[in-house]
PDB file of N, CA and C in Angstrom:
ATOM      1  N   MET A   1      -5.353  16.441  93.985  1.00  0.00           N
ATOM      2  CA  MET A   1      -5.172  17.992  94.222  1.00  0.00           C
ATOM      3  C   MET A   1      -5.042  18.762  93.027  1.00  0.00           C
ATOM      4  N   HIS A   2      -4.487  18.228  92.203  1.00  0.00           N
ATOM      5  CA  HIS A   2      -4.251  18.906  90.675  1.00  0.00           C
ATOM      6  C   HIS A   2      -5.436  19.192  90.081  1.00  0.00           C
ATOM      7  N   LYS A   3      -6.372  18.184  90.149  1.00  0.00           N
ATOM      8  CA  LYS A   3      -7.655  18.439  89.188  1.00  0.00           C
ATOM      9  C   LYS A   3      -8.422  19.311  89.957  1.00  0.00           C
ATOM     10  N   TYR A   4      -8.398  19.596  91.045  1.00  0.00           N
ATOM     11  CA  TYR A   4      -9.541  20.609  91.787  1.00  0.00           C
ATOM     12  C   TYR A   4      -8.666  21.870  91.543  1.00  0.00           C
ATOM     13  N   ILE A   5      -7.510  22.046  91.528  1.00  0.00           N
ATOM     14  CA  ILE A   5      -6.941  23.557  91.139  1.00  0.00           C
ATOM     15  C   ILE A   5      -7.262  23.971  89.737  1.00  0.00           C
ATOM     16  N   VAL A   6      -6.935  22.781  88.888  1.00  0.00           N
ATOM     17  CA  VAL A   6      -7.451  23.313  87.568  1.00  0.00           C
ATOM     18  C   VAL A   6      -8.815  23.546  87.422  1.00  0.00           C
ATOM     19  N   TYR A   7      -9.555  22.886  87.727  1.00  0.00           N
ATOM     20  CA  TYR A   7     -11.122  23.135  87.795  1.00  0.00           C
ATOM     21  C   TYR A   7     -11.521  24.672  88.366  1.00  0.00           C
ATOM     22  N   ALA A   8     -10.762  24.905  89.432  1.00  0.00           N
ATOM     23  CA  ALA A   8     -10.718  26.040  90.278  1.00  0.00           C
ATOM     24  C   ALA A   8     -10.398  27.266  89.192  1.00  0.00           C
ATOM     25  N   ALA A   9      -9.451  27.158  88.477  1.00  0.00           N
ATOM     26  CA  ALA A   9      -8.501  28.243  87.901  1.00  0.00           C
ATOM     27  C   ALA A   9      -9.251  28.483  86.594  1.00  0.00           C
ATOM     28  N   TYR A  10      -9.880  27.362  86.186  1.00  0.00           N
ATOM     29  CA  TYR A  10     -10.882  27.811  84.515  1.00  0.00           C
ATOM     30  C   TYR A  10     -12.096  27.957  85.058  1.00  0.00           C
ATOM     31  N   GLY A  11     -12.715  27.569  86.112  1.00  0.00           N
ATOM     32  CA  GLY A  11     -14.018  28.114  86.614  1.00  0.00           C
ATOM     33  C   GLY A  11     -13.780  29.417  86.976  1.00  0.00           C
ATOM     34  N   TRP A  12     -12.820  29.775  87.800  1.00  0.00           N
ATOM     35  CA  TRP A  12     -12.510  31.234  88.261  1.00  0.00           C
ATOM     36  C   TRP A  12     -12.541  32.297  87.024  1.00  0.00           C
ATOM     37  N   ILE A  13     -11.719  31.772  85.973  1.00  0.00           N
ATOM     38  CA  ILE A  13     -11.633  32.974  84.996  1.00  0.00           C
ATOM     39  C   ILE A  13     -13.028  33.135  84.166  1.00  0.00           C
ATOM     40  N   ALA A  14     -14.044  31.903  84.109  1.00  0.00           N
ATOM     41  CA  ALA A  14     -14.995  31.952  83.382  1.00  0.00           C
ATOM     42  C   ALA A  14     -16.086  32.856  84.287  1.00  0.00           C
ATOM     43  N   LEU A  15     -16.336  32.383  85.505  1.00  0.00           N
ATOM     44  CA  LEU A  15     -17.322  33.267  86.466  1.00  0.00           C
ATOM     45  C   LEU A  15     -16.677  34.655  86.321  1.00  0.00           C
ATOM     46  N   SER A  16     -15.353  35.070  86.511  1.00  0.00           N
ATOM     47  CA  SER A  16     -15.426  36.407  86.682  1.00  0.00           C
ATOM     48  C   SER A  16     -15.311  36.985  85.443  1.00  0.00           C
ATOM     49  N   GLY A  17     -15.185  36.512  84.536  1.00  0.00           N
ATOM     50  CA  GLY A  17     -15.379  36.972  83.253  1.00  0.00           C
ATOM     51  C   GLY A  17     -16.879  37.328  82.695  1.00  0.00           C
ATOM     52  N   ALA A  18     -17.690  36.413  83.396  1.00  0.00           N
ATOM     53  CA  ALA A  18     -19.466  36.537  83.275  1.00  0.00           C
ATOM     54  C   ALA A  18     -19.620  37.790  84.233  1.00  0.00           C
ATOM     55  N   LEU A  19     -19.184  37.544  85.161  1.00  0.00           N
ATOM     56  CA  LEU A  19     -19.643  38.507  86.199  1.00  0.00           C
ATOM     57  C   LEU A  19     -19.117  40.305  85.645  1.00  0.00           C
ATOM     58  N   HIS A  20     -17.931  40.393  85.098  1.00  0.00           N
ATOM     59  CA  HIS A  20     -17.259  41.213  84.584  1.00  0.00           C
ATOM     60  C   HIS A  20     -18.146  41.971  83.599  1.00  0.00           C
ATOM     61  N   PHE A  21     -18.665  41.133  82.584  1.00  0.00           N
ATOM     62  CA  PHE A  21     -19.498  41.620  81.691  1.00  0.00           C
ATOM     63  C   PHE A  21     -20.911  42.154  82.126  1.00  0.00           C
ATOM     64  N   ALA A  22     -21.432  41.335  83.005  1.00  0.00           N
ATOM     65  CA  ALA A  22     -22.643  41.878  83.638  1.00  0.00           C
ATOM     66  C   ALA A  22     -22.448  43.115  84.205  1.00  0.00           C
ATOM     67  N   ILE A  23     -21.489  43.306  85.325  1.00  0.00           N
ATOM     68  CA  ILE A  23     -21.485  44.614  85.924  1.00  0.00           C
ATOM     69  C   ILE A  23     -20.879  45.802  85.143  1.00  0.00           C
ATOM     70  N   ASP A  24     -19.931  45.676  84.121  1.00  0.00           N
ATOM     71  CA  ASP A  24     -19.395  46.639  83.533  1.00  0.00           C
ATOM     72  C   ASP A  24     -20.035  46.955  82.175  1.00  0.00           C
ATOM     73  N   VAL A  25     -20.606  46.044  81.414  1.00  0.00           N
ATOM     74  CA  VAL A  25     -21.441  46.348  80.078  1.00  0.00           C
ATOM     75  C   VAL A  25     -22.900  46.480  80.468  1.00  0.00           C
ATOM     76  N   VAL A  26     -23.352  45.311  80.838  1.00  0.00           N
ATOM     77  CA  VAL A  26     -24.867  45.337  81.039  1.00  0.00           C
ATOM     78  C   VAL A  26     -25.433  46.415  81.869  1.00  0.00           C
ATOM     79  N   SER A  27     -24.950  46.256  82.962  1.00  0.00           N
ATOM     80  CA  SER A  27     -25.360  46.727  84.081  1.00  0.00           C
ATOM     81  C   SER A  27     -25.406  48.379  83.790  1.00  0.00           C
ATOM     82  N   GLN A  28     -24.265  48.760  83.325  1.00  0.00           N
ATOM     83  CA  GLN A  28     -23.895  50.231  83.074  1.00  0.00           C
ATOM     84  C   GLN A  28     -25.014  50.664  81.743  1.00  0.00           C
ATOM     85  N   TYR A  29     -25.015  49.794  80.809  1.00  0.00           N
ATOM     86  CA  TYR A  29     -26.032  50.042  79.556  1.00  0.00           C
ATOM     87  C   TYR A  29     -27.566  50.218  80.152  1.00  0.00           C
ATOM     88  N   LEU A  30     -27.871  49.310  80.986  1.00  0.00           N
ATOM     89  CA  LEU A  30     -29.497  49.367  81.488  1.00  0.00           C
ATOM     90  C   LEU A  30     -29.536  50.527  82.323  1.00  0.00           C
ATOM     91  N   ARG A  31     -28.669  50.961  83.000  1.00  0.00           N
ATOM     92  CA  ARG A  31     -28.778  52.072  83.741  1.00  0.00           C
ATOM     93  C   ARG A  31     -28.684  53.493  83.030  1.00  0.00           C
ATOM     94  N   GLY A  32     -27.955  53.347  81.764  1.00  0.00           N
ATOM     95  CA  GLY A  32     -27.910  54.637  80.995  1.00  0.00           C
ATOM     96  C   GLY A  32     -26.793  55.353  81.792  1.00  0.00           C
ATOM     97  N   LYS A  33     -25.566  54.521  82.489  1.00  0.00           N
ATOM     98  CA  LYS A  33     -24.583  55.069  83.125  1.00  0.00           C
ATOM     99  C   LYS A  33     -23.424  56.156  82.134  1.00  0.00           C
ATOM    100  N   ARG A  34     -23.504  55.818  80.777  1.00  0.00           N
ATOM    101  CA  ARG A  34     -22.625  56.442  80.089  1.00  0.00           C
ATOM    102  C   ARG A  34     -23.318  57.318  78.957  1.00  0.00           C
ATOM    103  N   GLU A  35     -22.982  58.501  78.603  1.00  0.00           N
ATOM    104  CA  GLU A  35     -23.391  59.395  77.564  1.00  0.00           C
ATOM    105  C   GLU A  35     -23.156  58.325  76.014  1.00  0.00           C
ATOM    106  N   PRO A  36     -24.095  58.390  75.100  1.00  0.00           N
ATOM    107  CA  PRO A  36     -23.739  57.644  73.933  1.00  0.00           C
ATOM    108  C   PRO A  36     -22.620  58.426  73.267  1.00  0.00           C
ATOM    109  N   GLY A  37     -22.091  57.763  72.480  1.00  0.00           N
ATOM    110  CA  GLY A  37     -20.725  58.308  71.680  1.00  0.00           C
ATOM    111  C   GLY A  37     -19.321  57.394  71.423  1.00  0.00           C
ATOM    112  N   LEU A  38     -18.652  58.068  70.933  1.00  0.00           N
ATOM    113  CA  LEU A  38     -17.511  57.037  70.391  1.00  0.00           C
ATOM    114  C   LEU A  38     -16.618  56.593  71.850  1.00  0.00           C
ATOM    115  N   GLU A  39     -16.401  57.181  72.872  1.00  0.00           N
ATOM    116  CA  GLU A  39     -15.633  56.843  74.034  1.00  0.00           C
ATOM    117  C   GLU A  39     -16.595  55.510  74.604  1.00  0.00           C
ATOM    118  N   THR A  40     -17.903  55.682  74.782  1.00  0.00           N
ATOM    119  CA  THR A  40     -18.546  54.569  75.556  1.00  0.00           C
ATOM    120  C   THR A  40     -18.778  53.327  74.575  1.00  0.00           C
ATOM    121  N   THR A  41     -18.571  53.562  73.315  1.00  0.00           N
ATOM    122  CA  THR A  41     -18.605  52.475  72.391  1.00  0.00           C
ATOM    123  C   THR A  41     -17.073  51.723  72.528  1.00  0.00           C
ATOM    124  N   LEU A  42     -16.126  52.795  72.563  1.00  0.00           N
ATOM    125  CA  LEU A  42     -15.037  51.956  72.999  1.00  0.00           C
ATOM    126  C   LEU A  42     -14.642  51.284  74.345  1.00  0.00           C
ATOM    127  N   TYR A  43     -15.173  51.906  75.207  1.00  0.00           N
ATOM    128  CA  TYR A  43     -15.423  51.383  76.382  1.00  0.00           C
ATOM    129  C   TYR A  43     -16.405  50.155  76.475  1.00  0.00           C
ATOM    130  N   TYR A  44     -17.422  50.045  75.931  1.00  0.00           N
ATOM    131  CA  TYR A  44     -18.257  48.893  76.090  1.00  0.00           C
ATOM    132  C   TYR A  44     -17.560  47.632  75.218  1.00  0.00           C
ATOM    133  N   GLY A  45     -16.942  48.175  74.249  1.00  0.00           N
ATOM    134  CA  GLY A  45     -16.046  46.976  73.398  1.00  0.00           C
ATOM    135  C   GLY A  45     -15.043  46.496  73.920  1.00  0.00           C
ATOM    136  N   LEU A  46     -14.438  47.220  74.660  1.00  0.00           N
ATOM    137  CA  LEU A  46     -13.142  47.049  75.470  1.00  0.00           C
ATOM    138  C   LEU A  46     -13.587  45.904  76.514  1.00  0.00           C
ATOM    139  N   ASN A  47     -14.422  46.125  77.060  1.00  0.00           N
ATOM    140  CA  ASN A  47     -15.043  45.222  78.157  1.00  0.00           C
ATOM    141  C   ASN A  47     -15.777  44.047  77.804  1.00  0.00           C
ATOM    142  N   SER A  48     -16.500  44.190  76.697  1.00  0.00           N
ATOM    143  CA  SER A  48     -17.085  43.187  76.017  1.00  0.00           C
ATOM    144  C   SER A  48     -15.896  42.039  75.649  1.00  0.00           C
ATOM    145  N   ALA A  49     -15.043  42.628  74.852  1.00  0.00           N
ATOM    146  CA  ALA A  49     -14.084  41.824  74.277  1.00  0.00           C
ATOM    147  C   ALA A  49     -13.310  40.910  75.161  1.00  0.00           C
ATOM    148  N   PHE A  50     -13.140  41.637  76.508  1.00  0.00           N
ATOM    149  CA  PHE A  50     -12.105  41.358  77.443  1.00  0.00           C
ATOM    150  C   PHE A  50     -12.869  40.165  78.281  1.00  0.00           C
ATOM    151  N   SER A  51     -14.064  40.560  78.736  1.00  0.00           N
ATOM    152  CA  SER A  51     -14.794  39.490  79.716  1.00  0.00           C
ATOM    153  C   SER A  51     -15.186  38.363  78.727  1.00  0.00           C
ATOM    154  N   LEU A  52     -15.744  38.465  77.677  1.00  0.00           N
ATOM    155  CA  LEU A  52     -16.211  37.392  77.049  1.00  0.00           C
ATOM    156  C   LEU A  52     -15.219  36.495  76.383  1.00  0.00           C
ATOM    157  N   GLY A  53     -13.981  37.237  76.131  1.00  0.00           N
ATOM    158  CA  GLY A  53     -12.887  36.346  75.959  1.00  0.00           C
ATOM    159  C   GLY A  53     -12.376  35.256  77.017  1.00  0.00           C
ATOM    160  N   GLN A  54     -12.506  35.869  78.320  1.00  0.00           N
ATOM    161  CA  GLN A  54     -12.269  35.136  79.666  1.00  0.00           C
ATOM    162  C   GLN A  54     -13.287  33.725  79.725  1.00  0.00           C
ATOM    163  N   VAL A  55     -14.503  34.484  79.523  1.00  0.00           N
ATOM    164  CA  VAL A  55     -15.559  33.326  79.605  1.00  0.00           C
ATOM    165  C   VAL A  55     -15.268  32.282  78.743  1.00  0.00           C
ATOM    166  N   ALA A  56     -15.233  32.599  77.367  1.00  0.00           N
ATOM    167  CA  ALA A  56     -14.735  31.432  76.342  1.00  0.00           C
ATOM    168  C   ALA A  56     -13.624  30.750  76.642  1.00  0.00           C
ATOM    169  N   PHE A  57     -12.493  31.169  77.182  1.00  0.00           N
ATOM    170  CA  PHE A  57     -11.194  30.563  77.346  1.00  0.00           C
ATOM    171  C   PHE A  57     -11.524  29.806  78.783  1.00  0.00           C
ATOM    172  N   GLY A  58     -12.499  29.988  79.838  1.00  0.00           N
ATOM    173  CA  GLY A  58     -12.522  29.537  80.998  1.00  0.00           C
ATOM    174  C   GLY A  58     -13.477  28.311  80.578  1.00  0.00           C
ATOM    175  N   LEU A  59     -14.486  28.506  79.847  1.00  0.00           N
ATOM    176  CA  LEU A  59     -15.287  27.423  79.543  1.00  0.00           C
ATOM    177  C   LEU A  59     -14.535  26.255  78.716  1.00  0.00           C
ATOM    178  N   PHE A  60     -13.836  26.682  77.752  1.00  0.00           N
ATOM    179  CA  PHE A  60     -12.968  25.759  77.085  1.00  0.00           C
ATOM    180  C   PHE A  60     -11.909  24.650  77.783  1.00  0.00           C
ATOM    181  N   GLY A  61     -11.554  25.580  78.881  1.00  0.00           N
ATOM    182  CA  GLY A  61     -10.745  25.059  80.000  1.00  0.00           C
ATOM    183  C   GLY A  61     -11.322  23.955  80.786  1.00  0.00           C
ATOM    184  N   ILE A  62     -12.541  24.306  81.190  1.00  0.00           N
ATOM    185  CA  ILE A  62     -13.382  23.378  81.770  1.00  0.00           C
ATOM    186  C   ILE A  62     -13.677  22.273  81.213  1.00  0.00           C
ATOM    187  N   PHE A  63     -14.130  22.430  79.815  1.00  0.00           N
ATOM    188  CA  PHE A  63     -14.248  21.222  79.092  1.00  0.00           C
ATOM    189  C   PHE A  63     -13.227  20.136  78.906  1.00  0.00           C
ATOM    190  N   LEU A  64     -11.965  20.909  78.507  1.00  0.00           N
ATOM    191  CA  LEU A  64     -10.823  20.163  78.641  1.00  0.00           C
ATOM    192  C   LEU A  64     -10.593  19.438  79.573  1.00  0.00           C
ATOM    193  N   ALA A  65     -10.738  19.866  80.980  1.00  0.00           N
ATOM    194  CA  ALA A  65     -10.556  19.289  82.314  1.00  0.00           C
ATOM    195  C   ALA A  65     -11.482  18.352  82.188  1.00  0.00           C
ATOM    196  N   TRP A  66     -12.618  18.306  81.694  1.00  0.00           N
ATOM    197  CA  TRP A  66     -13.719  17.403  82.001  1.00  0.00           C
ATOM    198  C   TRP A  66     -13.369  16.117  81.109  1.00  0.00           C
ATOM    199  N   LYS A  67     -12.899  16.460  79.842  1.00  0.00           N
ATOM    200  CA  LYS A  67     -12.758  15.180  79.095  1.00  0.00           C
ATOM    201  C   LYS A  67     -11.253  14.937  78.604  1.00  0.00           C
ATOM    202  N   ALA A  68     -10.448  15.966  79.251  1.00  0.00           N
ATOM    203  CA  ALA A  68      -8.772  15.143  79.031  1.00  0.00           C
ATOM    204  C   ALA A  68      -7.973  15.920  80.139  1.00  0.00           C
ATOM    205  N   MET A  69      -8.326  15.653  81.268  1.00  0.00           N
ATOM    206  CA  MET A  69      -7.284  16.287  82.304  1.00  0.00           C
ATOM    207  C   MET A  69      -5.767  16.265  82.137  1.00  0.00           C
ATOM    208  N   SER A  70      -5.514  15.076  81.383  1.00  0.00           N
ATOM    209  CA  SER A  70      -3.970  14.811  81.264  1.00  0.00           C
ATOM    210  C   SER A  70      -3.485  15.966  80.254  1.00  0.00           C
ATOM    211  N   LEU A  71      -4.433  16.311  79.464  1.00  0.00           N
ATOM    212  CA  LEU A  71      -3.698  17.562  78.312  1.00  0.00           C
ATOM    213  C   LEU A  71      -3.510  18.675  79.282  1.00  0.00           C
ATOM    214  N   LEU A  72      -4.333  19.092  80.059  1.00  0.00           N
ATOM    215  CA  LEU A  72      -4.177  20.507  80.863  1.00  0.00           C
ATOM    216  C   LEU A  72      -2.823  20.040  81.709  1.00  0.00           C
ATOM    217  N   SER A  73      -2.368  19.216  81.995  1.00  0.00           N
ATOM    218  CA  SER A  73      -1.063  18.988  82.820  1.00  0.00           C
ATOM    219  C   SER A  73      -0.024  18.910  82.051  1.00  0.00           C
ATOM    220  N   GLU A  74       0.007  19.243  80.808  1.00  0.00           N
ATOM    221  CA  GLU A  74       0.993  19.307  79.730  1.00  0.00           C
ATOM    222  C   GLU A  74       1.368  20.731  79.795  1.00  0.00           C
ATOM    223  N   THR A  75       2.779  20.925  79.814  1.00  0.00           N
ATOM    224  CA  THR A  75       3.517  22.268  80.078  1.00  0.00           C
ATOM    225  C   THR A  75       2.998  23.132  78.932  1.00  0.00           C
ATOM    226  N   PRO A  76       3.004  22.779  77.767  1.00  0.00           N
ATOM    227  CA  PRO A  76       2.476  23.874  76.654  1.00  0.00           C
ATOM    228  C   PRO A  76       1.123  24.323  76.903  1.00  0.00           C
ATOM    229  N   VAL A  77       0.283  23.532  77.218  1.00  0.00           N
ATOM    230  CA  VAL A  77      -1.093  23.833  77.497  1.00  0.00           C
ATOM    231  C   VAL A  77      -1.096  25.141  78.869  1.00  0.00           C
ATOM    232  N   LEU A  78      -0.245  24.699  79.923  1.00  0.00           N
ATOM    233  CA  LEU A  78      -0.158  25.638  80.878  1.00  0.00           C
ATOM    234  C   LEU A  78       0.577  26.994  80.469  1.00  0.00           C
ATOM    235  N   ILE A  79       1.468  26.846  79.697  1.00  0.00           N
ATOM    236  CA  ILE A  79       2.299  27.855  79.349  1.00  0.00           C
ATOM    237  C   ILE A  79       1.497  28.707  78.403  1.00  0.00           C
ATOM    238  N   LEU A  80       0.505  28.277  77.473  1.00  0.00           N
ATOM    239  CA  LEU A  80      -0.541  29.258  76.921  1.00  0.00           C
ATOM    240  C   LEU A  80      -1.538  29.781  77.754  1.00  0.00           C
ATOM    241  N   SER A  81      -1.760  29.056  78.568  1.00  0.00           N
ATOM    242  CA  SER A  81      -2.722  29.470  79.631  1.00  0.00           C
ATOM    243  C   SER A  81      -1.760  31.107  80.523  1.00  0.00           C
ATOM    244  N   VAL A  82      -1.043  30.814  80.822  1.00  0.00           N
ATOM    245  CA  VAL A  82      -0.242  31.735  81.617  1.00  0.00           C
ATOM    246  C   VAL A  82      -0.091  33.000  80.677  1.00  0.00           C
ATOM    247  N   ALA A  83       0.284  32.758  79.349  1.00  0.00           N
ATOM    248  CA  ALA A  83       0.306  33.773  78.470  1.00  0.00           C
ATOM    249  C   ALA A  83      -0.873  34.370  78.346  1.00  0.00           C
ATOM    250  N   ALA A  84      -1.986  33.592  78.362  1.00  0.00           N
ATOM    251  CA  ALA A  84      -3.286  34.385  78.004  1.00  0.00           C
ATOM    252  C   ALA A  84      -3.469  35.341  79.436  1.00  0.00           C
ATOM    253  N   ALA A  85      -3.293  34.686  80.487  1.00  0.00           N
ATOM    254  CA  ALA A  85      -3.214  35.504  81.683  1.00  0.00           C
ATOM    255  C   ALA A  85      -2.576  36.737  81.747  1.00  0.00           C
ATOM    256  N   LEU A  86      -1.337  36.544  81.247  1.00  0.00           N
ATOM    257  CA  LEU A  86      -0.416  37.768  81.127  1.00  0.00           C
ATOM    258  C   LEU A  86      -0.794  38.968  80.418  1.00  0.00           C
ATOM    259  N   GLY A  87      -1.615  38.396  79.356  1.00  0.00           N
ATOM    260  CA  GLY A  87      -1.824  39.190  78.232  1.00  0.00           C
ATOM    261  C   GLY A  87      -3.169  39.969  78.897  1.00  0.00           C
ATOM    262  N   TRP A  88      -3.787  39.192  79.437  1.00  0.00           N
ATOM    263  CA  TRP A  88      -4.880  39.972  80.132  1.00  0.00           C
ATOM    264  C   TRP A  88      -4.683  40.943  81.173  1.00  0.00           C
ATOM    265  N   LEU A  89      -3.537  40.809  81.919  1.00  0.00           N
ATOM    266  CA  LEU A  89      -3.168  41.468  83.094  1.00  0.00           C
ATOM    267  C   LEU A  89      -2.506  42.828  82.373  1.00  0.00           C
ATOM    268  N   ALA A  90      -2.080  42.270  81.261  1.00  0.00           N
ATOM    269  CA  ALA A  90      -1.292  43.767  80.351  1.00  0.00           C
ATOM    270  C   ALA A  90      -2.498  44.608  79.775  1.00  0.00           C
ATOM    271  N   ILE A  91      -3.665  44.093  79.527  1.00  0.00           N
ATOM    272  CA  ILE A  91      -4.788  44.885  79.297  1.00  0.00           C
ATOM    273  C   ILE A  91      -5.159  45.577  80.305  1.00  0.00           C
ATOM    274  N   THR A  92      -5.236  44.712  81.420  1.00  0.00           N
ATOM    275  CA  THR A  92      -5.956  45.707  82.766  1.00  0.00           C
ATOM    276  C   THR A  92      -5.002  46.728  82.955  1.00  0.00           C
ATOM    277  N   PHE A  93      -3.625  46.888  82.927  1.00  0.00           N
ATOM    278  CA  PHE A  93      -2.829  47.888  83.395  1.00  0.00           C
ATOM    279  C   PHE A  93      -2.931  48.846  82.494  1.00  0.00           C
ATOM    280  N   MET A  94      -3.067  48.531  81.271  1.00  0.00           N
ATOM    281  CA  MET A  94      -2.932  49.561  80.176  1.00  0.00           C
ATOM    282  C   MET A  94      -4.214  50.448  80.047  1.00  0.00           C
ATOM    283  N   PHE A  95      -5.237  49.568  80.024  1.00  0.00           N
ATOM    284  CA  PHE A  95      -6.589  50.306  79.362  1.00  0.00           C
ATOM    285  C   PHE A  95      -7.642  50.261  80.454  1.00  0.00           C
ATOM    286  N   MET A  96      -7.640  49.707  81.595  1.00  0.00           N
ATOM    287  CA  MET A  96      -8.682  49.827  82.438  1.00  0.00           C
ATOM    288  C   MET A  96      -8.415  50.532  83.607  1.00  0.00           C
ATOM    289  N   GLU A  97      -9.238  51.421  84.265  1.00  0.00           N
ATOM    290  CA  GLU A  97      -8.873  52.091  85.363  1.00  0.00           C
ATOM    291  C   GLU A  97      -9.379  51.044  86.800  1.00  0.00           C
ATOM    292  N   TYR A  98     -10.176  50.273  86.496  1.00  0.00           N
ATOM    293  CA  TYR A  98     -10.602  49.274  87.785  1.00  0.00           C
ATOM    294  C   TYR A  98      -9.422  48.616  88.225  1.00  0.00           C
ATOM    295  N   TRP A  99      -9.506  48.058  89.468  1.00  0.00           N
ATOM    296  CA  TRP A  99      -8.707  47.135  90.077  1.00  0.00           C
ATOM    297  C   TRP A  99      -9.033  45.711  90.076  1.00  0.00           C
ATOM    298  N   GLU A 100     -10.476  45.790  90.070  1.00  0.00           N
ATOM    299  CA  GLU A 100     -10.943  44.440  90.167  1.00  0.00           C
ATOM    300  C   GLU A 100     -10.613  43.392  89.139  1.00  0.00           C
ATOM    301  N   PRO A 101     -10.736  43.650  87.911  1.00  0.00           N
ATOM    302  CA  PRO A 101      -9.963  42.927  86.721  1.00  0.00           C
ATOM    303  C   PRO A 101      -8.751  42.500  87.024  1.00  0.00           C
ATOM    304  N   ARG A 102      -7.915  43.328  87.568  1.00  0.00           N
ATOM    305  CA  ARG A 102      -6.441  42.958  87.885  1.00  0.00           C
ATOM    306  C   ARG A 102      -6.196  42.041  88.737  1.00  0.00           C
ATOM    307  N   LEU A 103      -7.206  42.095  89.819  1.00  0.00           N
ATOM    308  CA  LEU A 103      -7.336  40.930  91.089  1.00  0.00           C
ATOM    309  C   LEU A 103      -7.721  39.679  90.509  1.00  0.00           C
ATOM    310  N   ASN A 104      -8.820  39.670  89.565  1.00  0.00           N
ATOM    311  CA  ASN A 104      -9.150  38.542  89.038  1.00  0.00           C
ATOM    312  C   ASN A 104      -8.178  37.744  88.123  1.00  0.00           C
ATOM    313  N   VAL A 105      -7.678  38.446  87.364  1.00  0.00           N
ATOM    314  CA  VAL A 105      -6.921  37.838  86.432  1.00  0.00           C
ATOM    315  C   VAL A 105      -5.530  37.531  87.313  1.00  0.00           C
ATOM    316  N   GLY A 106      -5.187  37.960  88.414  1.00  0.00           N
ATOM    317  CA  GLY A 106      -4.152  38.069  89.241  1.00  0.00           C
ATOM    318  C   GLY A 106      -4.291  36.179  89.973  1.00  0.00           C
ATOM    319  N   ILE A 107      -5.768  36.443  90.287  1.00  0.00           N
ATOM    320  CA  ILE A 107      -6.270  34.972  91.226  1.00  0.00           C
ATOM    321  C   ILE A 107      -6.146  33.864  90.311  1.00  0.00           C
ATOM    322  N   PHE A 108      -6.371  33.883  88.848  1.00  0.00           N
ATOM    323  CA  PHE A 108      -6.440  33.005  87.778  1.00  0.00           C
ATOM    324  C   PHE A 108      -4.779  32.877  87.568  1.00  0.00           C
ATOM    325  N   LEU A 109      -3.876  33.585  87.575  1.00  0.00           N
ATOM    326  CA  LEU A 109      -2.652  33.441  87.362  1.00  0.00           C
ATOM    327  C   LEU A 109      -2.037  32.750  88.484  1.00  0.00           C
ATOM    328  N   ALA A 110      -2.420  32.939  89.613  1.00  0.00           N
ATOM    329  CA  ALA A 110      -1.807  32.205  90.923  1.00  0.00           C
ATOM    330  C   ALA A 110      -2.476  30.832  90.770  1.00  0.00           C
ATOM    331  N   LEU A 111      -3.635  30.864  90.460  1.00  0.00           N
ATOM    332  CA  LEU A 111      -4.235  29.160  90.501  1.00  0.00           C
ATOM    333  C   LEU A 111      -3.398  28.401  89.222  1.00  0.00           C
ATOM    334  N   LEU A 112      -3.197  28.826  88.280  1.00  0.00           N
ATOM    335  CA  LEU A 112      -2.218  28.199  87.349  1.00  0.00           C
ATOM    336  C   LEU A 112      -0.934  27.882  87.622  1.00  0.00           C
ATOM    337  N   VAL A 113      -0.415  28.891  88.520  1.00  0.00           N
ATOM    338  CA  VAL A 113       0.938  28.667  88.973  1.00  0.00           C
ATOM    339  C   VAL A 113       0.953  27.289  90.072  1.00  0.00           C
ATOM    340  N   ALA A 114      -0.269  27.304  90.715  1.00  0.00           N
ATOM    341  CA  ALA A 114      -0.373  26.157  91.486  1.00  0.00           C
ATOM    342  C   ALA A 114      -0.763  24.919  91.241  1.00  0.00           C
ATOM    343  N   ALA A 115      -1.631  24.851  89.909  1.00  0.00           N
ATOM    344  CA  ALA A 115      -1.684  23.919  88.825  1.00  0.00           C
ATOM    345  C   ALA A 115      -0.294  23.223  88.705  1.00  0.00           C
ATOM    346  N   PHE A 116       0.405  24.130  88.198  1.00  0.00           N
ATOM    347  CA  PHE A 116       1.749  23.707  87.484  1.00  0.00           C
ATOM    348  C   PHE A 116       2.671  23.151  88.402  1.00  0.00           C
ATOM    349  N   VAL A 117       2.613  23.496  89.707  1.00  0.00           N
ATOM    350  CA  VAL A 117       3.606  22.815  90.746  1.00  0.00           C
ATOM    351  C   VAL A 117       3.002  21.552  91.124  1.00  0.00           C
ATOM    352  N   THR A 118       1.457  21.303  91.190  1.00  0.00           N
ATOM    353  CA  THR A 118       0.994  20.200  91.766  1.00  0.00           C
ATOM    354  C   THR A 118       0.923  19.228  90.802  1.00  0.00           C
ATOM    355  N   ARG A 119       1.122  19.194  89.394  1.00  0.00           N
ATOM    356  CA  ARG A 119       0.996  18.128  88.681  1.00  0.00           C
ATOM    357  C   ARG A 119       1.679  17.167  88.463  1.00  0.00           C
TER     358      ARG A 119
END
């Protein structure tokens, strides 16, 4: 069960990061939703860094799960993942007005706790 939860956690954060990038950056840019300016640049920069960081972290986690599942069962790696999730959660509460990124990171955090408990 632990293996499936680990794959679900890192797969979820990679998928939700990719969808966040597609919806909040690419979609709004293509539709011309925001006026060009400093605020728009900061908005796109924040959401791009946030979502692409999640994609990279998730894909790296999936790669580690595929090659070395026992490494992802170690306490320091799980603590590092929880720290990343808490950091993303802090960013969502401090700088993002939407609730969806909070939910996505919350689900990732819950899956990490489940992975910790089932190891």
